[in-house]
PDB file of N, CA and C in Angstrom:
ATOM      1  N   MET A   1       0.716  -1.213   0.109  1.00  0.00           N
ATOM      2  CA  MET A   1       0.286  -0.133   0.062  1.00  0.00           C
ATOM      3  C   MET A   1       1.050   1.264   0.102  1.00  0.00           C
ATOM      4  N   PRO A   2       0.557   2.033  -0.817  1.00  0.00           N
ATOM      5  CA  PRO A   2       1.394   3.602  -1.004  1.00  0.00           C
ATOM      6  C   PRO A   2       1.510   4.174   0.817  1.00  0.00           C
ATOM      7  N   ALA A   3       2.529   5.034   0.689  1.00  0.00           N
ATOM      8  CA  ALA A   3       2.710   5.596   2.438  1.00  0.00           C
ATOM      9  C   ALA A   3       2.614   7.373   1.646  1.00  0.00           C
ATOM     10  N   LEU A   4       2.099   7.828   2.481  1.00  0.00           N
ATOM     11  CA  LEU A   4       2.263   9.608   2.590  1.00  0.00           C
ATOM     12  C   LEU A   4       3.059   9.636   3.765  1.00  0.00           C
ATOM     13  N   GLN A   5       3.799  10.801   3.336  1.00  0.00           N
ATOM     14  CA  GLN A   5       4.507  11.873   4.451  1.00  0.00           C
ATOM     15  C   GLN A   5       4.219  13.368   4.313  1.00  0.00           C
ATOM     16  N   VAL A   6       3.821  13.772   5.114  1.00  0.00           N
ATOM     17  CA  VAL A   6       3.807  15.102   5.081  1.00  0.00           C
ATOM     18  C   VAL A   6       4.527  15.988   5.681  1.00  0.00           C
ATOM     19  N   ARG A   7       4.980  16.807   5.178  1.00  0.00           N
ATOM     20  CA  ARG A   7       6.224  17.889   5.543  1.00  0.00           C
ATOM     21  C   ARG A   7       5.555  19.136   5.944  1.00  0.00           C
ATOM     22  N   ASP A   8       6.141  19.610   7.076  1.00  0.00           N
ATOM     23  CA  ASP A   8       5.745  21.146   7.691  1.00  0.00           C
ATOM     24  C   ASP A   8       4.265  21.211   8.035  1.00  0.00           C
ATOM     25  N   PHE A   9       3.680  19.928   8.492  1.00  0.00           N
ATOM     26  CA  PHE A   9       2.334  19.969   9.015  1.00  0.00           C
ATOM     27  C   PHE A   9       2.015  20.848   9.923  1.00  0.00           C
ATOM     28  N   PRO A  10       1.021  21.720  10.049  1.00  0.00           N
ATOM     29  CA  PRO A  10       0.891  22.607  10.961  1.00  0.00           C
ATOM     30  C   PRO A  10       0.436  22.059  12.245  1.00  0.00           C
ATOM     31  N   ALA A  11       1.429  22.627  13.251  1.00  0.00           N
ATOM     32  CA  ALA A  11       0.792  21.949  14.567  1.00  0.00           C
ATOM     33  C   ALA A  11      -0.467  22.142  15.298  1.00  0.00           C
ATOM     34  N   ASP A  12      -1.225  23.068  14.938  1.00  0.00           N
ATOM     35  CA  ASP A  12      -2.626  23.042  15.130  1.00  0.00           C
ATOM     36  C   ASP A  12      -3.401  22.332  14.712  1.00  0.00           C
ATOM     37  N   LEU A  13      -3.131  21.956  13.476  1.00  0.00           N
ATOM     38  CA  LEU A  13      -3.885  21.218  12.491  1.00  0.00           C
ATOM     39  C   LEU A  13      -3.997  19.905  13.114  1.00  0.00           C
ATOM     40  N   TYR A  14      -2.617  19.435  13.274  1.00  0.00           N
ATOM     41  CA  TYR A  14      -2.211  17.837  13.888  1.00  0.00           C
ATOM     42  C   TYR A  14      -2.758  17.939  14.992  1.00  0.00           C
ATOM     43  N   GLU A  15      -3.001  18.799  15.936  1.00  0.00           N
ATOM     44  CA  GLU A  15      -3.213  18.716  17.554  1.00  0.00           C
ATOM     45  C   GLU A  15      -4.878  18.507  17.056  1.00  0.00           C
ATOM     46  N   ASP A  16      -5.716  19.230  16.107  1.00  0.00           N
ATOM     47  CA  ASP A  16      -6.944  18.774  15.949  1.00  0.00           C
ATOM     48  C   ASP A  16      -7.313  17.696  15.446  1.00  0.00           C
ATOM     49  N   LEU A  17      -6.332  16.972  14.462  1.00  0.00           N
ATOM     50  CA  LEU A  17      -6.716  15.615  13.822  1.00  0.00           C
ATOM     51  C   LEU A  17      -6.559  14.829  14.961  1.00  0.00           C
ATOM     52  N   LYS A  18      -5.426  14.875  15.603  1.00  0.00           N
ATOM     53  CA  LYS A  18      -5.445  13.927  17.008  1.00  0.00           C
ATOM     54  C   LYS A  18      -6.537  13.881  17.685  1.00  0.00           C
ATOM     55  N   LYS A  19      -6.746  15.154  18.189  1.00  0.00           N
ATOM     56  CA  LYS A  19      -8.106  14.673  19.182  1.00  0.00           C
ATOM     57  C   LYS A  19      -9.716  14.099  18.390  1.00  0.00           C
ATOM     58  N   CYS A  20      -9.747  14.388  17.126  1.00  0.00           N
ATOM     59  CA  CYS A  20     -10.645  14.061  16.186  1.00  0.00           C
ATOM     60  C   CYS A  20     -10.338  12.524  16.258  1.00  0.00           C
ATOM     61  N   ALA A  21      -9.523  12.035  15.813  1.00  0.00           N
ATOM     62  CA  ALA A  21      -9.044  10.643  15.738  1.00  0.00           C
ATOM     63  C   ALA A  21      -9.576  10.029  17.271  1.00  0.00           C
ATOM     64  N   ALA A  22      -9.273  10.803  18.310  1.00  0.00           N
ATOM     65  CA  ALA A  22      -9.466  10.194  19.633  1.00  0.00           C
ATOM     66  C   ALA A  22     -10.849   9.928  19.839  1.00  0.00           C
ATOM     67  N   ARG A  23     -11.596  11.061  19.264  1.00  0.00           N
ATOM     68  CA  ARG A  23     -12.977  10.948  19.688  1.00  0.00           C
ATOM     69  C   ARG A  23     -13.385   9.750  18.770  1.00  0.00           C
ATOM     70  N   GLU A  24     -13.176   9.510  17.649  1.00  0.00           N
ATOM     71  CA  GLU A  24     -13.497   8.564  16.540  1.00  0.00           C
ATOM     72  C   GLU A  24     -13.318   7.163  16.810  1.00  0.00           C
ATOM     73  N   HIS A  25     -12.445   7.055  18.612  1.00  0.00           N
ATOM     74  CA  HIS A  25     -11.309   5.764  18.241  1.00  0.00           C
ATOM     75  C   HIS A  25     -10.955   5.455  16.987  1.00  0.00           C
ATOM     76  N   ARG A  26      -9.976   6.110  16.540  1.00  0.00           N
ATOM     77  CA  ARG A  26      -9.133   5.690  15.085  1.00  0.00           C
ATOM     78  C   ARG A  26      -7.688   5.972  15.444  1.00  0.00           C
ATOM     79  N   SER A  27      -6.865   5.617  14.600  1.00  0.00           N
ATOM     80  CA  SER A  27      -5.449   6.044  14.356  1.00  0.00           C
ATOM     81  C   SER A  27      -5.345   7.179  14.015  1.00  0.00           C
ATOM     82  N   MET A  28      -4.526   7.808  13.949  1.00  0.00           N
ATOM     83  CA  MET A  28      -4.003   9.225  13.325  1.00  0.00           C
ATOM     84  C   MET A  28      -3.806   8.817  11.862  1.00  0.00           C
ATOM     85  N   ALA A  29      -3.480   7.657  11.478  1.00  0.00           N
ATOM     86  CA  ALA A  29      -3.247   7.279   9.972  1.00  0.00           C
ATOM     87  C   ALA A  29      -4.842   6.792   9.569  1.00  0.00           C
ATOM     88  N   GLN A  30      -5.697   6.404  10.594  1.00  0.00           N
ATOM     89  CA  GLN A  30      -7.022   6.033   9.721  1.00  0.00           C
ATOM     90  C   GLN A  30      -7.939   7.521   9.831  1.00  0.00           C
ATOM     91  N   GLN A  31      -7.604   8.183  10.426  1.00  0.00           N
ATOM     92  CA  GLN A  31      -8.463   9.608  10.655  1.00  0.00           C
ATOM     93  C   GLN A  31      -7.927  10.414   9.501  1.00  0.00           C
ATOM     94  N   THR A  32      -6.695  10.496   9.553  1.00  0.00           N
ATOM     95  CA  THR A  32      -6.269  11.551   7.978  1.00  0.00           C
ATOM     96  C   THR A  32      -6.861  10.473   6.749  1.00  0.00           C
ATOM     97  N   ILE A  33      -6.946   9.386   6.565  1.00  0.00           N
ATOM     98  CA  ILE A  33      -7.561   8.770   5.463  1.00  0.00           C
ATOM     99  C   ILE A  33      -9.260   9.159   5.312  1.00  0.00           C
ATOM    100  N   LYS A  34      -9.590   9.230   6.645  1.00  0.00           N
ATOM    101  CA  LYS A  34     -11.162   9.507   6.556  1.00  0.00           C
ATOM    102  C   LYS A  34     -11.135  10.744   6.183  1.00  0.00           C
ATOM    103  N   ALA A  35     -10.227  11.631   6.869  1.00  0.00           N
ATOM    104  CA  ALA A  35     -10.862  12.917   6.241  1.00  0.00           C
ATOM    105  C   ALA A  35     -10.316  13.429   5.074  1.00  0.00           C
ATOM    106  N   VAL A  36      -9.497  12.660   4.272  1.00  0.00           N
ATOM    107  CA  VAL A  36      -8.984  12.990   2.966  1.00  0.00           C
ATOM    108  C   VAL A  36     -10.470  12.274   2.368  1.00  0.00           C
ATOM    109  N   GLU A  37     -10.771  11.482   2.267  1.00  0.00           N
ATOM    110  CA  GLU A  37     -11.826  10.673   1.653  1.00  0.00           C
ATOM    111  C   GLU A  37     -12.996  11.719   1.374  1.00  0.00           C
ATOM    112  N   GLU A  38     -13.399  12.171   2.862  1.00  0.00           N
ATOM    113  CA  GLU A  38     -14.440  12.979   2.898  1.00  0.00           C
ATOM    114  C   GLU A  38     -14.518  14.285   2.301  1.00  0.00           C
ATOM    115  N   MET A  39     -13.390  14.544   2.113  1.00  0.00           N
ATOM    116  CA  MET A  39     -13.122  16.054   1.312  1.00  0.00           C
ATOM    117  C   MET A  39     -13.145  15.678   0.026  1.00  0.00           C
ATOM    118  N   LEU A  40     -12.686  14.795  -0.453  1.00  0.00           N
ATOM    119  CA  LEU A  40     -12.442  14.255  -1.761  1.00  0.00           C
ATOM    120  C   LEU A  40     -14.018  14.043  -2.422  1.00  0.00           C
ATOM    121  N   ASN A  41     -14.788  13.376  -1.606  1.00  0.00           N
ATOM    122  CA  ASN A  41     -16.096  12.949  -1.930  1.00  0.00           C
ATOM    123  C   ASN A  41     -17.194  14.273  -1.892  1.00  0.00           C
ATOM    124  N   ARG A  42     -16.753  15.132  -0.889  1.00  0.00           N
ATOM    125  CA  ARG A  42     -17.439  16.708  -1.291  1.00  0.00           C
ATOM    126  C   ARG A  42     -16.996  16.940  -2.193  1.00  0.00           C
ATOM    127  N   ARG A  43     -15.825  17.201  -2.966  1.00  0.00           N
ATOM    128  CA  ARG A  43     -15.571  17.735  -3.834  1.00  0.00           C
ATOM    129  C   ARG A  43     -16.327  17.373  -5.270  1.00  0.00           C
ATOM    130  N   LYS A  44     -15.842  15.918  -5.182  1.00  0.00           N
ATOM    131  CA  LYS A  44     -16.766  15.295  -6.235  1.00  0.00           C
ATOM    132  C   LYS A  44     -18.214  15.377  -6.541  1.00  0.00           C
ATOM    133  N   PHE A  45     -18.914  15.374  -5.204  1.00  0.00           N
ATOM    134  CA  PHE A  45     -20.502  15.790  -5.085  1.00  0.00           C
ATOM    135  C   PHE A  45     -20.290  17.054  -5.414  1.00  0.00           C
ATOM    136  N   SER A  46     -20.012  18.240  -4.968  1.00  0.00           N
ATOM    137  CA  SER A  46     -20.299  19.438  -5.367  1.00  0.00           C
ATOM    138  C   SER A  46     -19.999  19.778  -7.112  1.00  0.00           C
ATOM    139  N   VAL A  47     -18.852  19.283  -7.671  1.00  0.00           N
ATOM    140  CA  VAL A  47     -18.478  19.224  -9.276  1.00  0.00           C
ATOM    141  C   VAL A  47     -19.630  18.352  -9.664  1.00  0.00           C
ATOM    142  N   PHE A  48     -19.995  17.183  -9.137  1.00  0.00           N
ATOM    143  CA  PHE A  48     -20.944  16.369 -10.400  1.00  0.00           C
ATOM    144  C   PHE A  48     -22.144  16.258 -10.155  1.00  0.00           C
ATOM    145  N   SER A  49     -22.668  16.853  -9.006  1.00  0.00           N
ATOM    146  CA  SER A  49     -24.105  16.964  -8.530  1.00  0.00           C
ATOM    147  C   SER A  49     -24.939  17.566  -9.576  1.00  0.00           C
ATOM    148  N   SER A  50     -26.361  16.972  -9.499  1.00  0.00           N
ATOM    149  CA  SER A  50     -27.199  17.932 -10.509  1.00  0.00           C
ATOM    150  C   SER A  50     -27.710  18.858  -9.473  1.00  0.00           C
ATOM    151  N   VAL A  51     -27.446  19.100  -8.087  1.00  0.00           N
ATOM    152  CA  VAL A  51     -27.792  20.082  -7.163  1.00  0.00           C
ATOM    153  C   VAL A  51     -26.581  21.083  -7.537  1.00  0.00           C
ATOM    154  N   LYS A  52     -26.714  21.841  -7.950  1.00  0.00           N
ATOM    155  CA  LYS A  52     -25.615  22.906  -8.254  1.00  0.00           C
ATOM    156  C   LYS A  52     -25.573  23.864  -6.897  1.00  0.00           C
ATOM    157  N   LYS A  53     -24.347  23.851  -6.262  1.00  0.00           N
ATOM    158  CA  LYS A  53     -24.453  24.718  -5.067  1.00  0.00           C
ATOM    159  C   LYS A  53     -23.671  25.886  -5.907  1.00  0.00           C
ATOM    160  N   LYS A  54     -24.436  27.235  -4.909  1.00  0.00           N
ATOM    161  CA  LYS A  54     -23.705  28.575  -5.347  1.00  0.00           C
ATOM    162  C   LYS A  54     -22.156  28.390  -5.340  1.00  0.00           C
ATOM    163  N   THR A  55     -21.431  29.305  -6.436  1.00  0.00           N
ATOM    164  CA  THR A  55     -19.961  29.105  -6.023  1.00  0.00           C
ATOM    165  C   THR A  55     -19.654  30.622  -6.710  1.00  0.00           C
ATOM    166  N   PHE A  56     -18.790  31.313  -5.993  1.00  0.00           N
ATOM    167  CA  PHE A  56     -18.230  32.138  -5.998  1.00  0.00           C
ATOM    168  C   PHE A  56     -17.207  32.602  -6.707  1.00  0.00           C
ATOM    169  N   ASP A  57     -17.039  33.123  -7.959  1.00  0.00           N
ATOM    170  CA  ASP A  57     -15.763  33.543  -8.682  1.00  0.00           C
ATOM    171  C   ASP A  57     -14.907  34.532  -8.045  1.00  0.00           C
ATOM    172  N   VAL A  58     -13.743  34.746  -8.316  1.00  0.00           N
ATOM    173  CA  VAL A  58     -13.024  35.677  -7.943  1.00  0.00           C
ATOM    174  C   VAL A  58     -12.784  36.707  -9.092  1.00  0.00           C
ATOM    175  N   GLU A  59     -13.312  37.727  -9.061  1.00  0.00           N
ATOM    176  CA  GLU A  59     -13.441  38.888  -9.678  1.00  0.00           C
ATOM    177  C   GLU A  59     -12.209  39.607  -9.957  1.00  0.00           C
ATOM    178  N   THR A  60     -11.937  39.718 -11.465  1.00  0.00           N
ATOM    179  CA  THR A  60     -10.802  40.521 -12.128  1.00  0.00           C
ATOM    180  C   THR A  60     -10.782  41.562 -11.259  1.00  0.00           C
ATOM    181  N   ASP A  61      -9.672  42.707 -11.563  1.00  0.00           N
ATOM    182  CA  ASP A  61      -9.462  43.679 -11.172  1.00  0.00           C
ATOM    183  C   ASP A  61     -10.536  44.698 -12.233  1.00  0.00           C
ATOM    184  N   ALA A  62     -10.685  44.459 -13.514  1.00  0.00           N
ATOM    185  CA  ALA A  62     -11.371  45.138 -14.498  1.00  0.00           C
ATOM    186  C   ALA A  62     -13.079  45.030 -14.041  1.00  0.00           C
ATOM    187  N   GLU A  63     -13.568  43.979 -13.319  1.00  0.00           N
ATOM    188  CA  GLU A  63     -14.743  43.592 -13.021  1.00  0.00           C
ATOM    189  C   GLU A  63     -14.903  44.019 -11.797  1.00  0.00           C
ATOM    190  N   ARG A  64     -14.130  44.207 -10.865  1.00  0.00           N
ATOM    191  CA  ARG A  64     -14.479  45.105  -9.664  1.00  0.00           C
ATOM    192  C   ARG A  64     -14.641  46.579  -9.989  1.00  0.00           C
ATOM    193  N   ILE A  65     -13.587  47.189 -10.815  1.00  0.00           N
ATOM    194  CA  ILE A  65     -13.746  48.613 -11.247  1.00  0.00           C
ATOM    195  C   ILE A  65     -14.967  48.793 -11.915  1.00  0.00           C
ATOM    196  N   ARG A  66     -15.655  48.209 -12.697  1.00  0.00           N
ATOM    197  CA  ARG A  66     -17.060  48.380 -13.473  1.00  0.00           C
ATOM    198  C   ARG A  66     -17.749  47.895 -12.446  1.00  0.00           C
ATOM    199  N   ARG A  67     -17.941  47.063 -11.396  1.00  0.00           N
ATOM    200  CA  ARG A  67     -18.969  47.318 -10.325  1.00  0.00           C
ATOM    201  C   ARG A  67     -18.748  48.589  -9.531  1.00  0.00           C
ATOM    202  N   ILE A  68     -17.806  48.891  -9.167  1.00  0.00           N
ATOM    203  CA  ILE A  68     -17.435  50.182  -8.305  1.00  0.00           C
ATOM    204  C   ILE A  68     -18.254  51.267  -9.192  1.00  0.00           C
ATOM    205  N   GLU A  69     -17.950  51.612 -10.736  1.00  0.00           N
ATOM    206  CA  GLU A  69     -18.223  52.334 -11.239  1.00  0.00           C
ATOM    207  C   GLU A  69     -19.751  52.540 -11.635  1.00  0.00           C
ATOM    208  N   LYS A  70     -20.362  51.141 -11.748  1.00  0.00           N
ATOM    209  CA  LYS A  70     -21.963  51.358 -11.759  1.00  0.00           C
ATOM    210  C   LYS A  70     -22.721  51.344 -10.654  1.00  0.00           C
ATOM    211  N   ARG A  71     -21.983  51.261  -9.394  1.00  0.00           N
ATOM    212  CA  ARG A  71     -22.470  51.648  -8.210  1.00  0.00           C
ATOM    213  C   ARG A  71     -22.350  52.959  -7.860  1.00  0.00           C
ATOM    214  N   LYS A  72     -21.290  53.761  -8.353  1.00  0.00           N
ATOM    215  CA  LYS A  72     -21.068  55.336  -8.284  1.00  0.00           C
ATOM    216  C   LYS A  72     -22.408  55.734  -9.162  1.00  0.00           C
ATOM    217  N   ALA A  73     -22.495  55.138 -10.264  1.00  0.00           N
ATOM    218  CA  ALA A  73     -23.591  55.736 -11.084  1.00  0.00           C
ATOM    219  C   ALA A  73     -24.992  55.965 -10.585  1.00  0.00           C
ATOM    220  N   LEU A  74     -24.971  54.637  -9.956  1.00  0.00           N
ATOM    221  CA  LEU A  74     -26.261  54.507  -9.484  1.00  0.00           C
ATOM    222  C   LEU A  74     -26.856  55.472  -8.366  1.00  0.00           C
ATOM    223  N   PHE A  75     -25.713  55.660  -7.275  1.00  0.00           N
ATOM    224  CA  PHE A  75     -25.692  56.614  -6.372  1.00  0.00           C
ATOM    225  C   PHE A  75     -25.933  58.044  -6.908  1.00  0.00           C
ATOM    226  N   ALA A  76     -25.225  58.061  -7.816  1.00  0.00           N
ATOM    227  CA  ALA A  76     -25.615  59.768  -8.638  1.00  0.00           C
ATOM    228  C   ALA A  76     -26.750  59.720  -8.856  1.00  0.00           C
ATOM    229  N   GLU A  77     -27.376  58.585  -9.728  1.00  0.00           N
ATOM    230  CA  GLU A  77     -28.648  58.823  -9.936  1.00  0.00           C
ATOM    231  C   GLU A  77     -29.837  59.201  -8.904  1.00  0.00           C
ATOM    232  N   ILE A  78     -29.516  58.302  -7.987  1.00  0.00           N
ATOM    233  CA  ILE A  78     -30.249  58.128  -6.462  1.00  0.00           C
ATOM    234  C   ILE A  78     -30.602  60.001  -6.225  1.00  0.00           C
ATOM    235  N   GLU A  79     -29.232  60.719  -6.184  1.00  0.00           N
ATOM    236  CA  GLU A  79     -28.912  61.768  -5.727  1.00  0.00           C
ATOM    237  C   GLU A  79     -29.855  62.822  -6.375  1.00  0.00           C
ATOM    238  N   GLU A  80     -29.458  62.862  -7.849  1.00  0.00           N
ATOM    239  CA  GLU A  80     -30.543  63.496  -8.747  1.00  0.00           C
ATOM    240  C   GLU A  80     -32.120  63.444  -8.556  1.00  0.00           C
ATOM    241  N   LEU A  81     -32.561  61.832  -8.322  1.00  0.00           N
ATOM    242  CA  LEU A  81     -33.538  61.888  -8.271  1.00  0.00           C
ATOM    243  C   LEU A  81     -34.266  62.518  -7.000  1.00  0.00           C
ATOM    244  N   SER A  82     -33.234  62.482  -5.773  1.00  0.00           N
ATOM    245  CA  SER A  82     -33.923  63.082  -4.259  1.00  0.00           C
ATOM    246  C   SER A  82     -34.082  64.355  -4.379  1.00  0.00           C
ATOM    247  N   LYS A  83     -33.177  64.972  -5.444  1.00  0.00           N
ATOM    248  CA  LYS A  83     -33.359  66.920  -5.431  1.00  0.00           C
ATOM    249  C   LYS A  83     -34.650  66.807  -6.063  1.00  0.00           C
ATOM    250  N   LYS A  84     -35.421  65.931  -6.626  1.00  0.00           N
ATOM    251  CA  LYS A  84     -36.498  66.174  -7.254  1.00  0.00           C
ATOM    252  C   LYS A  84     -37.765  65.997  -6.326  1.00  0.00           C
ATOM    253  N   LEU A  85     -37.742  65.844  -5.254  1.00  0.00           N
ATOM    254  CA  LEU A  85     -38.492  65.362  -4.423  1.00  0.00           C
ATOM    255  C   LEU A  85     -39.205  66.544  -3.623  1.00  0.00           C
ATOM    256  N   PRO A  86     -40.331  66.942  -3.278  1.00  0.00           N
ATOM    257  CA  PRO A  86     -40.726  67.665  -2.337  1.00  0.00           C
ATOM    258  C   PRO A  86     -39.954  67.721  -1.465  1.00  0.00           C
ATOM    259  N   LYS A  87     -39.839  69.327  -0.912  1.00  0.00           N
ATOM    260  CA  LYS A  87     -38.953  69.505   0.196  1.00  0.00           C
ATOM    261  C   LYS A  87     -39.920  69.220   1.445  1.00  0.00           C
ATOM    262  N   ASP A  88     -41.187  69.152   1.602  1.00  0.00           N
ATOM    263  CA  ASP A  88     -42.166  68.604   2.794  1.00  0.00           C
ATOM    264  C   ASP A  88     -42.310  67.141   2.779  1.00  0.00           C
ATOM    265  N   LEU A  89     -41.590  66.473   2.308  1.00  0.00           N
ATOM    266  CA  LEU A  89     -42.052  65.036   2.022  1.00  0.00           C
ATOM    267  C   LEU A  89     -41.472  64.509   3.520  1.00  0.00           C
ATOM    268  N   PRO A  90     -42.274  63.323   3.910  1.00  0.00           N
ATOM    269  CA  PRO A  90     -41.874  63.264   5.429  1.00  0.00           C
ATOM    270  C   PRO A  90     -40.945  61.896   5.137  1.00  0.00           C
ATOM    271  N   ASP A  91     -40.157  61.977   6.305  1.00  0.00           N
ATOM    272  CA  ASP A  91     -39.100  61.184   6.365  1.00  0.00           C
ATOM    273  C   ASP A  91     -39.614  59.451   6.460  1.00  0.00           C
ATOM    274  N   ALA A  92     -38.741  58.645   6.525  1.00  0.00           N
ATOM    275  CA  ALA A  92     -39.074  57.391   6.694  1.00  0.00           C
ATOM    276  C   ALA A  92     -39.804  56.797   7.906  1.00  0.00           C
ATOM    277  N   ALA A  93     -39.056  57.655   9.193  1.00  0.00           N
ATOM    278  CA  ALA A  93     -39.757  57.391  10.413  1.00  0.00           C
ATOM    279  C   ALA A  93     -41.369  57.900  10.688  1.00  0.00           C
ATOM    280  N   GLU A  94     -41.405  59.237   9.990  1.00  0.00           N
ATOM    281  CA  GLU A  94     -42.578  59.773   9.788  1.00  0.00           C
ATOM    282  C   GLU A  94     -43.768  58.833   8.913  1.00  0.00           C
ATOM    283  N   ILE A  95     -43.071  58.265   7.909  1.00  0.00           N
ATOM    284  CA  ILE A  95     -44.319  57.651   6.948  1.00  0.00           C
ATOM    285  C   ILE A  95     -44.603  56.245   7.703  1.00  0.00           C
ATOM    286  N   ASN A  96     -43.505  55.697   8.599  1.00  0.00           N
ATOM    287  CA  ASN A  96     -43.933  54.461   9.335  1.00  0.00           C
ATOM    288  C   ASN A  96     -44.994  54.599  10.401  1.00  0.00           C
ATOM    289  N   ARG A  97     -44.585  55.511  10.972  1.00  0.00           N
ATOM    290  CA  ARG A  97     -45.719  56.181  12.071  1.00  0.00           C
ATOM    291  C   ARG A  97     -46.902  56.839  11.453  1.00  0.00           C
ATOM    292  N   MET A  98     -47.174  57.061  10.236  1.00  0.00           N
ATOM    293  CA  MET A  98     -48.663  57.149   9.563  1.00  0.00           C
ATOM    294  C   MET A  98     -49.148  55.990   9.493  1.00  0.00           C
ATOM    295  N   GLY A  99     -48.454  54.964   8.811  1.00  0.00           N
ATOM    296  CA  GLY A  99     -48.932  53.839   8.811  1.00  0.00           C
ATOM    297  C   GLY A  99     -49.294  52.887   9.885  1.00  0.00           C
ATOM    298  N   HIS A 100     -48.473  52.856  10.834  1.00  0.00           N
ATOM    299  CA  HIS A 100     -49.147  52.125  12.287  1.00  0.00           C
ATOM    300  C   HIS A 100     -50.533  53.057  12.157  1.00  0.00           C
ATOM    301  N   TYR A 101     -50.424  53.996  12.548  1.00  0.00           N
ATOM    302  CA  TYR A 101     -51.614  55.289  13.056  1.00  0.00           C
ATOM    303  C   TYR A 101     -52.856  54.420  12.084  1.00  0.00           C
ATOM    304  N   GLU A 102     -52.757  54.674  10.917  1.00  0.00           N
ATOM    305  CA  GLU A 102     -53.682  54.200   9.736  1.00  0.00           C
ATOM    306  C   GLU A 102     -54.210  52.970  10.095  1.00  0.00           C
ATOM    307  N   ARG A 103     -53.139  51.809  10.370  1.00  0.00           N
ATOM    308  CA  ARG A 103     -53.658  50.367  10.707  1.00  0.00           C
ATOM    309  C   ARG A 103     -54.615  50.321  11.811  1.00  0.00           C
ATOM    310  N   ASP A 104     -53.803  50.863  13.216  1.00  0.00           N
ATOM    311  CA  ASP A 104     -54.423  50.931  14.167  1.00  0.00           C
ATOM    312  C   ASP A 104     -56.069  51.570  14.158  1.00  0.00           C
ATOM    313  N   LYS A 105     -56.003  52.782  13.437  1.00  0.00           N
ATOM    314  CA  LYS A 105     -57.303  53.301  13.413  1.00  0.00           C
ATOM    315  C   LYS A 105     -58.246  52.172  12.980  1.00  0.00           C
ATOM    316  N   ARG A 106     -57.863  51.869  11.692  1.00  0.00           N
ATOM    317  CA  ARG A 106     -59.011  51.147  10.998  1.00  0.00           C
ATOM    318  C   ARG A 106     -59.489  49.645  11.855  1.00  0.00           C
ATOM    319  N   ILE A 107     -58.279  48.994  12.741  1.00  0.00           N
ATOM    320  CA  ILE A 107     -58.964  47.976  13.743  1.00  0.00           C
ATOM    321  C   ILE A 107     -59.678  48.663  14.942  1.00  0.00           C
ATOM    322  N   MET A 108     -59.284  49.641  15.701  1.00  0.00           N
ATOM    323  CA  MET A 108     -59.855  50.284  16.886  1.00  0.00           C
ATOM    324  C   MET A 108     -61.032  50.756  16.881  1.00  0.00           C
ATOM    325  N   GLU A 109     -61.317  51.641  15.511  1.00  0.00           N
ATOM    326  CA  GLU A 109     -62.304  52.590  15.743  1.00  0.00           C
ATOM    327  C   GLU A 109     -63.903  51.494  15.708  1.00  0.00           C
ATOM    328  N   PRO A 110     -63.860  50.583  14.679  1.00  0.00           N
ATOM    329  CA  PRO A 110     -65.000  49.807  14.718  1.00  0.00           C
ATOM    330  C   PRO A 110     -65.502  48.964  16.132  1.00  0.00           C
ATOM    331  N   LEU A 111     -64.144  49.105  17.060  1.00  0.00           N
ATOM    332  CA  LEU A 111     -64.394  48.732  18.167  1.00  0.00           C
ATOM    333  C   LEU A 111     -65.187  49.380  19.393  1.00  0.00           C
ATOM    334  N   GLY A 112     -64.926  51.192  18.815  1.00  0.00           N
ATOM    335  CA  GLY A 112     -65.557  52.013  19.615  1.00  0.00           C
ATOM    336  C   GLY A 112     -64.203  52.839  20.381  1.00  0.00           C
ATOM    337  N   ILE A 113     -62.831  52.417  19.645  1.00  0.00           N
ATOM    338  CA  ILE A 113     -61.739  52.970  20.982  1.00  0.00           C
ATOM    339  C   ILE A 113     -61.206  53.909  20.063  1.00  0.00           C
ATOM    340  N   GLU A 114     -61.072  54.975  20.104  1.00  0.00           N
ATOM    341  CA  GLU A 114     -60.351  56.216  19.587  1.00  0.00           C
ATOM    342  C   GLU A 114     -59.001  56.389  19.738  1.00  0.00           C
ATOM    343  N   VAL A 115     -58.519  56.578  18.199  1.00  0.00           N
ATOM    344  CA  VAL A 115     -57.056  56.665  18.080  1.00  0.00           C
ATOM    345  C   VAL A 115     -56.525  57.902  17.968  1.00  0.00           C
ATOM    346  N   SER A 116     -55.618  58.499  18.624  1.00  0.00           N
ATOM    347  CA  SER A 116     -54.985  59.712  18.168  1.00  0.00           C
ATOM    348  C   SER A 116     -53.645  60.001  17.544  1.00  0.00           C
ATOM    349  N   TYR A 117     -53.511  60.371  16.717  1.00  0.00           N
ATOM    350  CA  TYR A 117     -52.198  60.237  15.950  1.00  0.00           C
ATOM    351  C   TYR A 117     -51.034  60.989  17.171  1.00  0.00           C
ATOM    352  N   ASP A 118     -51.393  61.789  17.871  1.00  0.00           N
ATOM    353  CA  ASP A 118     -50.282  62.213  18.967  1.00  0.00           C
ATOM    354  C   ASP A 118     -49.915  60.841  19.556  1.00  0.00           C
ATOM    355  N   ASP A 119     -50.406  59.892  19.812  1.00  0.00           N
ATOM    356  CA  ASP A 119     -49.826  58.898  20.694  1.00  0.00           C
ATOM    357  C   ASP A 119     -48.423  58.259  19.788  1.00  0.00           C
ATOM    358  N   TYR A 120     -48.777  58.465  18.477  1.00  0.00           N
ATOM    359  CA  TYR A 120     -47.501  57.715  17.605  1.00  0.00           C
ATOM    360  C   TYR A 120     -46.388  58.949  17.406  1.00  0.00           C
ATOM    361  N   ILE A 121     -46.321  59.904  18.044  1.00  0.00           N
ATOM    362  CA  ILE A 121     -45.120  60.745  17.869  1.00  0.00           C
ATOM    363  C   ILE A 121     -43.964  60.994  18.837  1.00  0.00           C
TER     364      ILE A 121
END
């Protein structure tokens, strides 16, 4: 049977492997073989499986620059659109409060309970 020698094996990884082997009641050699088998089976499964897992490609510098420029253009467009909004437009918190008030009013008034917008400020 072939033998495998690994040089410069990280000490912390070695200790983790040793603990794992002890937990699994295996020798270090058996645990190493098991770990390599599992890793290769996962890789084989992820490459040949009909169920595709989401993978992330490393983007090139050019792609990253295009993505950044696209984002800058979108922010500029948002900035221009925000200049066209009415100055008295309520902020998000105020719109949220108005929505809660309207919802509670629809629920409470048929029950004879008065709802005041002042309760939401």
